[in-house]
Amino acid sequence: MSEELPPSDAGDREPVDSVDEVRATDADAWATAAAEDLAAEKARRRTQYGPPPGSAAEELRKLVDNVAEKLSGLQSPLLGGIAGPAAQQVVKQVVQQAKAAVEPVIERNPDVFDHLAAAGGELLAAYRSAVQAQEQRWSRRDDTLRDRGEDPGPGERIDLD
Protein backbone atom coordinates (compact mmCIF):
# COMPACT_ATOMS: atom_id res chain seq x y z
CA MET A 1 0.00 0.00 0.00
CA SER A 2 1.31 3.27 -0.97
CA GLU A 3 0.30 6.34 0.92
CA GLU A 4 0.74 9.77 -0.56
CA LEU A 5 1.73 12.40 1.90
CA PRO A 6 0.72 16.02 1.34
CA PRO A 7 3.53 18.54 0.82
CA SER A 8 4.95 19.83 4.08
CA ASP A 9 3.69 23.37 3.52
CA ALA A 10 0.28 22.42 2.18
CA GLY A 11 -1.44 23.43 5.38
CA ASP A 12 0.09 26.92 5.25
CA ARG A 13 -1.45 27.90 1.93
CA GLU A 14 -5.00 28.63 1.02
CA PRO A 15 -6.43 26.67 -1.90
CA VAL A 16 -5.85 28.27 -5.29
CA ASP A 17 -8.55 28.22 -7.95
CA SER A 18 -6.39 28.46 -11.07
CA VAL A 19 -2.85 28.36 -12.40
CA ASP A 20 -3.17 32.00 -13.51
CA GLU A 21 -3.76 33.02 -9.91
CA VAL A 22 -0.54 31.27 -8.87
CA ARG A 23 1.42 32.99 -11.65
CA ALA A 24 0.02 36.39 -10.67
CA THR A 25 1.00 35.81 -7.05
CA ASP A 26 4.51 34.73 -8.08
CA ALA A 27 4.87 37.77 -10.34
CA ASP A 28 3.77 40.06 -7.51
CA ALA A 29 6.26 38.42 -5.16
CA TRP A 30 9.02 38.83 -7.75
CA ALA A 31 8.15 42.50 -8.33
CA THR A 32 8.03 43.14 -4.58
CA ALA A 33 11.39 41.45 -3.99
CA ALA A 34 12.97 43.34 -6.90
CA ALA A 35 11.62 46.67 -5.60
CA GLU A 36 12.94 45.92 -2.11
CA ASP A 37 16.37 45.00 -3.51
CA LEU A 38 16.45 48.18 -5.60
CA ALA A 39 15.49 50.34 -2.63
CA ALA A 40 18.18 48.68 -0.48
CA GLU A 41 20.81 49.23 -3.19
CA LYS A 42 19.81 52.88 -3.57
CA ALA A 43 20.04 53.39 0.19
CA ARG A 44 23.46 51.72 0.28
CA ARG A 45 24.75 53.93 -2.54
CA ARG A 46 23.29 57.04 -0.91
CA THR A 47 25.16 56.29 2.32
CA GLN A 48 28.38 55.42 0.48
CA TYR A 49 28.43 58.18 -2.16
CA GLY A 50 26.05 60.81 -0.81
CA PRO A 51 22.88 62.03 -2.46
CA PRO A 52 22.68 61.58 -6.23
CA PRO A 53 23.11 64.68 -8.38
CA GLY A 54 19.96 66.51 -9.37
CA SER A 55 18.92 67.49 -12.84
CA ALA A 56 21.26 69.57 -14.97
CA ALA A 57 19.11 72.66 -14.32
CA GLU A 58 19.40 72.18 -10.54
CA GLU A 59 23.16 71.66 -10.83
CA LEU A 60 23.49 74.84 -12.92
CA ARG A 61 21.50 76.75 -10.33
CA LYS A 62 23.82 75.45 -7.59
CA LEU A 63 26.86 76.44 -9.66
CA VAL A 64 25.56 79.96 -10.20
CA ASP A 65 24.79 80.33 -6.48
CA ASN A 66 28.24 79.07 -5.45
CA VAL A 67 30.05 81.30 -7.95
CA ALA A 68 27.98 84.29 -6.84
CA GLU A 69 28.78 83.55 -3.20
CA LYS A 70 32.52 83.27 -3.91
CA LEU A 71 32.62 86.43 -6.02
CA SER A 72 30.69 88.41 -3.44
CA GLY A 73 33.11 87.38 -0.70
CA LEU A 74 36.30 88.26 -2.56
CA GLN A 75 38.52 90.96 -1.12
CA SER A 76 40.52 92.78 -3.78
CA PRO A 77 43.91 94.04 -2.51
CA LEU A 78 44.72 95.37 -5.99
CA LEU A 79 42.09 98.09 -5.86
CA GLY A 80 43.28 99.55 -2.61
CA GLY A 81 41.39 100.63 0.48
CA ILE A 82 39.44 103.43 -1.19
CA ALA A 83 38.12 101.60 -4.25
CA GLY A 84 37.68 98.27 -2.40
CA PRO A 85 34.16 98.78 -0.99
CA ALA A 86 32.95 100.36 -4.24
CA ALA A 87 34.43 97.50 -6.26
CA GLN A 88 32.77 94.94 -4.00
CA GLN A 89 29.45 96.69 -4.44
CA VAL A 90 29.87 96.60 -8.24
CA VAL A 91 30.75 92.88 -8.11
CA LYS A 92 27.67 92.15 -5.99
CA GLN A 93 25.50 94.11 -8.38
CA VAL A 94 26.88 92.28 -11.43
CA VAL A 95 26.40 88.93 -9.71
CA GLN A 96 22.79 89.76 -8.85
CA GLN A 97 22.12 90.83 -12.46
CA ALA A 98 23.67 87.61 -13.77
CA LYS A 99 21.55 85.52 -11.40
CA ALA A 100 18.43 87.47 -12.41
CA ALA A 101 19.21 86.74 -16.07
CA VAL A 102 19.98 83.03 -15.57
CA GLU A 103 17.11 82.08 -13.25
CA PRO A 104 14.25 82.67 -15.75
CA VAL A 105 16.11 80.71 -18.42
CA ILE A 106 16.55 77.79 -16.04
CA GLU A 107 12.91 77.96 -14.94
CA ARG A 108 11.53 78.05 -18.49
CA ASN A 109 13.81 75.40 -19.98
CA PRO A 110 14.93 72.84 -17.40
CA ASP A 111 14.88 69.99 -19.95
CA VAL A 112 17.24 71.86 -22.26
CA PHE A 113 20.01 71.61 -19.70
CA ASP A 114 19.44 67.86 -19.32
CA HIS A 115 19.68 67.48 -23.10
CA LEU A 116 22.83 69.60 -23.21
CA ALA A 117 24.40 67.50 -20.45
CA ALA A 118 23.51 64.29 -22.30
CA ALA A 119 24.90 65.70 -25.56
CA GLY A 120 28.12 66.63 -23.80
CA GLY A 121 28.45 63.10 -22.48
CA GLU A 122 27.89 61.69 -25.96
CA LEU A 123 30.48 64.05 -27.45
CA LEU A 124 32.99 62.99 -24.81
CA ALA A 125 32.32 59.31 -25.56
CA ALA A 126 32.75 59.91 -29.30
CA TYR A 127 36.02 61.78 -28.73
CA ARG A 128 37.32 59.04 -26.44
CA SER A 129 36.43 56.40 -29.03
CA ALA A 130 38.19 58.34 -31.80
CA VAL A 131 41.34 58.76 -29.72
CA GLN A 132 41.42 55.08 -28.78
CA ALA A 133 40.93 54.05 -32.42
CA GLN A 134 43.77 56.33 -33.54
CA GLU A 135 46.07 54.98 -30.83
CA GLN A 136 45.31 51.43 -31.98
CA ARG A 137 46.13 52.35 -35.59
CA TRP A 138 49.43 53.87 -34.49
CA SER A 139 50.42 50.83 -32.46
CA ARG A 140 49.41 48.42 -35.23
CA ARG A 141 51.45 50.44 -37.73
CA ASP A 142 54.51 50.36 -35.48
CA ASP A 143 54.12 46.62 -34.88
CA THR A 144 53.75 45.99 -38.61
CA LEU A 145 56.90 47.99 -39.39
CA ARG A 146 58.85 46.15 -36.69
CA ASP A 147 57.65 42.78 -38.03
CA ARG A 148 59.00 43.73 -41.47
CA GLY A 149 62.28 44.78 -39.92
CA GLU A 150 61.75 48.46 -40.69
CA ASP A 151 62.34 51.34 -38.33
CA PRO A 152 58.98 52.64 -37.02
CA GLY A 153 60.31 56.17 -36.85
CA PRO A 154 62.25 58.59 -34.72
CA GLY A 155 61.77 58.61 -31.00
CA GLU A 156 60.80 54.97 -30.77
CA ARG A 157 64.06 53.60 -29.40
CA ILE A 158 65.31 54.82 -26.07
CA ASP A 159 68.71 53.62 -24.95
CA LEU A 160 69.12 54.16 -21.22
CA ASP A 161 72.67 52.77 -21.01
C-alpha atoms as a PDB file:
ATOM      1  CA  MET A   1       0.000   0.000   0.000  1.00  0.00           C
ATOM      2  CA  SER A   2       1.314   3.274  -0.969  1.00  0.00           C
ATOM      3  CA  GLU A   3       0.298   6.343   0.922  1.00  0.00           C
ATOM      4  CA  GLU A   4       0.743   9.772  -0.559  1.00  0.00           C
ATOM      5  CA  LEU A   5       1.731  12.401   1.899  1.00  0.00           C
ATOM      6  CA  PRO A   6       0.718  16.018   1.339  1.00  0.00           C
ATOM      7  CA  PRO A   7       3.525  18.535   0.820  1.00  0.00           C
ATOM      8  CA  SER A   8       4.948  19.830   4.081  1.00  0.00           C
ATOM      9  CA  ASP A   9       3.687  23.367   3.524  1.00  0.00           C
ATOM     10  CA  ALA A  10       0.280  22.416   2.183  1.00  0.00           C
ATOM     11  CA  GLY A  11      -1.442  23.429   5.383  1.00  0.00           C
ATOM     12  CA  ASP A  12       0.089  26.923   5.254  1.00  0.00           C
ATOM     13  CA  ARG A  13      -1.449  27.902   1.926  1.00  0.00           C
ATOM     14  CA  GLU A  14      -5.001  28.627   1.021  1.00  0.00           C
ATOM     15  CA  PRO A  15      -6.426  26.668  -1.897  1.00  0.00           C
ATOM     16  CA  VAL A  16      -5.851  28.265  -5.291  1.00  0.00           C
ATOM     17  CA  ASP A  17      -8.546  28.219  -7.954  1.00  0.00           C
ATOM     18  CA  SER A  18      -6.391  28.457 -11.067  1.00  0.00           C
ATOM     19  CA  VAL A  19      -2.850  28.364 -12.402  1.00  0.00           C
ATOM     20  CA  ASP A  20      -3.175  32.004 -13.509  1.00  0.00           C
ATOM     21  CA  GLU A  21      -3.758  33.024  -9.913  1.00  0.00           C
ATOM     22  CA  VAL A  22      -0.537  31.270  -8.866  1.00  0.00           C
ATOM     23  CA  ARG A  23       1.422  32.990 -11.653  1.00  0.00           C
ATOM     24  CA  ALA A  24       0.020  36.392 -10.669  1.00  0.00           C
ATOM     25  CA  THR A  25       0.997  35.805  -7.053  1.00  0.00           C
ATOM     26  CA  ASP A  26       4.505  34.728  -8.083  1.00  0.00           C
ATOM     27  CA  ALA A  27       4.874  37.775 -10.336  1.00  0.00           C
ATOM     28  CA  ASP A  28       3.774  40.057  -7.511  1.00  0.00           C
ATOM     29  CA  ALA A  29       6.265  38.425  -5.159  1.00  0.00           C
ATOM     30  CA  TRP A  30       9.023  38.829  -7.753  1.00  0.00           C
ATOM     31  CA  ALA A  31       8.149  42.498  -8.329  1.00  0.00           C
ATOM     32  CA  THR A  32       8.025  43.139  -4.580  1.00  0.00           C
ATOM     33  CA  ALA A  33      11.386  41.454  -3.991  1.00  0.00           C
ATOM     34  CA  ALA A  34      12.967  43.343  -6.896  1.00  0.00           C
ATOM     35  CA  ALA A  35      11.618  46.665  -5.599  1.00  0.00           C
ATOM     36  CA  GLU A  36      12.943  45.916  -2.110  1.00  0.00           C
ATOM     37  CA  ASP A  37      16.370  45.004  -3.508  1.00  0.00           C
ATOM     38  CA  LEU A  38      16.448  48.177  -5.600  1.00  0.00           C
ATOM     39  CA  ALA A  39      15.492  50.341  -2.630  1.00  0.00           C
ATOM     40  CA  ALA A  40      18.177  48.685  -0.478  1.00  0.00           C
ATOM     41  CA  GLU A  41      20.808  49.232  -3.185  1.00  0.00           C
ATOM     42  CA  LYS A  42      19.805  52.885  -3.568  1.00  0.00           C
ATOM     43  CA  ALA A  43      20.038  53.387   0.187  1.00  0.00           C
ATOM     44  CA  ARG A  44      23.457  51.724   0.284  1.00  0.00           C
ATOM     45  CA  ARG A  45      24.755  53.930  -2.543  1.00  0.00           C
ATOM     46  CA  ARG A  46      23.290  57.037  -0.913  1.00  0.00           C
ATOM     47  CA  THR A  47      25.156  56.293   2.322  1.00  0.00           C
ATOM     48  CA  GLN A  48      28.376  55.422   0.478  1.00  0.00           C
ATOM     49  CA  TYR A  49      28.425  58.180  -2.159  1.00  0.00           C
ATOM     50  CA  GLY A  50      26.050  60.812  -0.808  1.00  0.00           C
ATOM     51  CA  PRO A  51      22.875  62.035  -2.460  1.00  0.00           C
ATOM     52  CA  PRO A  52      22.675  61.583  -6.235  1.00  0.00           C
ATOM     53  CA  PRO A  53      23.105  64.680  -8.381  1.00  0.00           C
ATOM     54  CA  GLY A  54      19.961  66.514  -9.373  1.00  0.00           C
ATOM     55  CA  SER A  55      18.920  67.492 -12.835  1.00  0.00           C
ATOM     56  CA  ALA A  56      21.262  69.570 -14.972  1.00  0.00           C
ATOM     57  CA  ALA A  57      19.111  72.656 -14.316  1.00  0.00           C
ATOM     58  CA  GLU A  58      19.404  72.176 -10.543  1.00  0.00           C
ATOM     59  CA  GLU A  59      23.164  71.662 -10.827  1.00  0.00           C
ATOM     60  CA  LEU A  60      23.494  74.844 -12.925  1.00  0.00           C
ATOM     61  CA  ARG A  61      21.503  76.755 -10.325  1.00  0.00           C
ATOM     62  CA  LYS A  62      23.820  75.453  -7.587  1.00  0.00           C
ATOM     63  CA  LEU A  63      26.855  76.438  -9.656  1.00  0.00           C
ATOM     64  CA  VAL A  64      25.558  79.964 -10.199  1.00  0.00           C
ATOM     65  CA  ASP A  65      24.788  80.331  -6.481  1.00  0.00           C
ATOM     66  CA  ASN A  66      28.238  79.070  -5.453  1.00  0.00           C
ATOM     67  CA  VAL A  67      30.054  81.302  -7.947  1.00  0.00           C
ATOM     68  CA  ALA A  68      27.979  84.286  -6.844  1.00  0.00           C
ATOM     69  CA  GLU A  69      28.781  83.551  -3.203  1.00  0.00           C
ATOM     70  CA  LYS A  70      32.519  83.266  -3.915  1.00  0.00           C
ATOM     71  CA  LEU A  71      32.624  86.434  -6.019  1.00  0.00           C
ATOM     72  CA  SER A  72      30.695  88.406  -3.441  1.00  0.00           C
ATOM     73  CA  GLY A  73      33.107  87.378  -0.705  1.00  0.00           C
ATOM     74  CA  LEU A  74      36.300  88.256  -2.555  1.00  0.00           C
ATOM     75  CA  GLN A  75      38.517  90.958  -1.121  1.00  0.00           C
ATOM     76  CA  SER A  76      40.522  92.784  -3.776  1.00  0.00           C
ATOM     77  CA  PRO A  77      43.913  94.041  -2.512  1.00  0.00           C
ATOM     78  CA  LEU A  78      44.724  95.372  -5.994  1.00  0.00           C
ATOM     79  CA  LEU A  79      42.089  98.094  -5.859  1.00  0.00           C
ATOM     80  CA  GLY A  80      43.285  99.551  -2.606  1.00  0.00           C
ATOM     81  CA  GLY A  81      41.394 100.631   0.478  1.00  0.00           C
ATOM     82  CA  ILE A  82      39.443 103.434  -1.194  1.00  0.00           C
ATOM     83  CA  ALA A  83      38.123 101.600  -4.245  1.00  0.00           C
ATOM     84  CA  GLY A  84      37.682  98.270  -2.398  1.00  0.00           C
ATOM     85  CA  PRO A  85      34.161  98.776  -0.990  1.00  0.00           C
ATOM     86  CA  ALA A  86      32.946 100.356  -4.235  1.00  0.00           C
ATOM     87  CA  ALA A  87      34.430  97.501  -6.260  1.00  0.00           C
ATOM     88  CA  GLN A  88      32.770  94.943  -4.002  1.00  0.00           C
ATOM     89  CA  GLN A  89      29.453  96.690  -4.441  1.00  0.00           C
ATOM     90  CA  VAL A  90      29.875  96.599  -8.238  1.00  0.00           C
ATOM     91  CA  VAL A  91      30.751  92.879  -8.108  1.00  0.00           C
ATOM     92  CA  LYS A  92      27.670  92.152  -5.993  1.00  0.00           C
ATOM     93  CA  GLN A  93      25.497  94.115  -8.378  1.00  0.00           C
ATOM     94  CA  VAL A  94      26.877  92.283 -11.429  1.00  0.00           C
ATOM     95  CA  VAL A  95      26.401  88.932  -9.707  1.00  0.00           C
ATOM     96  CA  GLN A  96      22.791  89.764  -8.849  1.00  0.00           C
ATOM     97  CA  GLN A  97      22.123  90.830 -12.456  1.00  0.00           C
ATOM     98  CA  ALA A  98      23.665  87.609 -13.769  1.00  0.00           C
ATOM     99  CA  LYS A  99      21.548  85.518 -11.396  1.00  0.00           C
ATOM    100  CA  ALA A 100      18.433  87.468 -12.409  1.00  0.00           C
ATOM    101  CA  ALA A 101      19.211  86.737 -16.066  1.00  0.00           C
ATOM    102  CA  VAL A 102      19.977  83.029 -15.567  1.00  0.00           C
ATOM    103  CA  GLU A 103      17.107  82.078 -13.251  1.00  0.00           C
ATOM    104  CA  PRO A 104      14.248  82.674 -15.746  1.00  0.00           C
ATOM    105  CA  VAL A 105      16.107  80.709 -18.421  1.00  0.00           C
ATOM    106  CA  ILE A 106      16.550  77.787 -16.037  1.00  0.00           C
ATOM    107  CA  GLU A 107      12.911  77.959 -14.938  1.00  0.00           C
ATOM    108  CA  ARG A 108      11.531  78.053 -18.488  1.00  0.00           C
ATOM    109  CA  ASN A 109      13.808  75.399 -19.982  1.00  0.00           C
ATOM    110  CA  PRO A 110      14.932  72.841 -17.402  1.00  0.00           C
ATOM    111  CA  ASP A 111      14.879  69.993 -19.953  1.00  0.00           C
ATOM    112  CA  VAL A 112      17.245  71.862 -22.264  1.00  0.00           C
ATOM    113  CA  PHE A 113      20.014  71.608 -19.696  1.00  0.00           C
ATOM    114  CA  ASP A 114      19.438  67.863 -19.319  1.00  0.00           C
ATOM    115  CA  HIS A 115      19.682  67.480 -23.103  1.00  0.00           C
ATOM    116  CA  LEU A 116      22.833  69.601 -23.205  1.00  0.00           C
ATOM    117  CA  ALA A 117      24.403  67.497 -20.448  1.00  0.00           C
ATOM    118  CA  ALA A 118      23.510  64.286 -22.303  1.00  0.00           C
ATOM    119  CA  ALA A 119      24.896  65.700 -25.563  1.00  0.00           C
ATOM    120  CA  GLY A 120      28.124  66.634 -23.800  1.00  0.00           C
ATOM    121  CA  GLY A 121      28.453  63.100 -22.482  1.00  0.00           C
ATOM    122  CA  GLU A 122      27.890  61.690 -25.959  1.00  0.00           C
ATOM    123  CA  LEU A 123      30.475  64.050 -27.452  1.00  0.00           C
ATOM    124  CA  LEU A 124      32.988  62.994 -24.815  1.00  0.00           C
ATOM    125  CA  ALA A 125      32.320  59.311 -25.555  1.00  0.00           C
ATOM    126  CA  ALA A 126      32.751  59.913 -29.302  1.00  0.00           C
ATOM    127  CA  TYR A 127      36.023  61.783 -28.734  1.00  0.00           C
ATOM    128  CA  ARG A 128      37.324  59.039 -26.436  1.00  0.00           C
ATOM    129  CA  SER A 129      36.425  56.399 -29.029  1.00  0.00           C
ATOM    130  CA  ALA A 130      38.185  58.338 -31.801  1.00  0.00           C
ATOM    131  CA  VAL A 131      41.342  58.765 -29.716  1.00  0.00           C
ATOM    132  CA  GLN A 132      41.424  55.081 -28.784  1.00  0.00           C
ATOM    133  CA  ALA A 133      40.933  54.053 -32.419  1.00  0.00           C
ATOM    134  CA  GLN A 134      43.766  56.332 -33.536  1.00  0.00           C
ATOM    135  CA  GLU A 135      46.072  54.978 -30.828  1.00  0.00           C
ATOM    136  CA  GLN A 136      45.305  51.431 -31.980  1.00  0.00           C
ATOM    137  CA  ARG A 137      46.130  52.351 -35.587  1.00  0.00           C
ATOM    138  CA  TRP A 138      49.434  53.870 -34.494  1.00  0.00           C
ATOM    139  CA  SER A 139      50.423  50.832 -32.465  1.00  0.00           C
ATOM    140  CA  ARG A 140      49.407  48.420 -35.229  1.00  0.00           C
ATOM    141  CA  ARG A 141      51.449  50.443 -37.728  1.00  0.00           C
ATOM    142  CA  ASP A 142      54.513  50.362 -35.483  1.00  0.00           C
ATOM    143  CA  ASP A 143      54.119  46.624 -34.878  1.00  0.00           C
ATOM    144  CA  THR A 144      53.752  45.986 -38.613  1.00  0.00           C
ATOM    145  CA  LEU A 145      56.897  47.985 -39.395  1.00  0.00           C
ATOM    146  CA  ARG A 146      58.850  46.154 -36.693  1.00  0.00           C
ATOM    147  CA  ASP A 147      57.650  42.782 -38.034  1.00  0.00           C
ATOM    148  CA  ARG A 148      58.996  43.725 -41.473  1.00  0.00           C
ATOM    149  CA  GLY A 149      62.277  44.784 -39.921  1.00  0.00           C
ATOM    150  CA  GLU A 150      61.751  48.464 -40.687  1.00  0.00           C
ATOM    151  CA  ASP A 151      62.336  51.335 -38.331  1.00  0.00           C
ATOM    152  CA  PRO A 152      58.977  52.640 -37.016  1.00  0.00           C
ATOM    153  CA  GLY A 153      60.306  56.171 -36.851  1.00  0.00           C
ATOM    154  CA  PRO A 154      62.250  58.589 -34.723  1.00  0.00           C
ATOM    155  CA  GLY A 155      61.771  58.612 -31.003  1.00  0.00           C
ATOM    156  CA  GLU A 156      60.800  54.966 -30.771  1.00  0.00           C
ATOM    157  CA  ARG A 157      64.056  53.599 -29.404  1.00  0.00           C
ATOM    158  CA  ILE A 158      65.311  54.820 -26.075  1.00  0.00           C
ATOM    159  CA  ASP A 159      68.708  53.619 -24.949  1.00  0.00           C
ATOM    160  CA  LEU A 160      69.117  54.165 -21.224  1.00  0.00           C
ATOM    161  CA  ASP A 161      72.668  52.769 -21.014  1.00  0.00           C
END
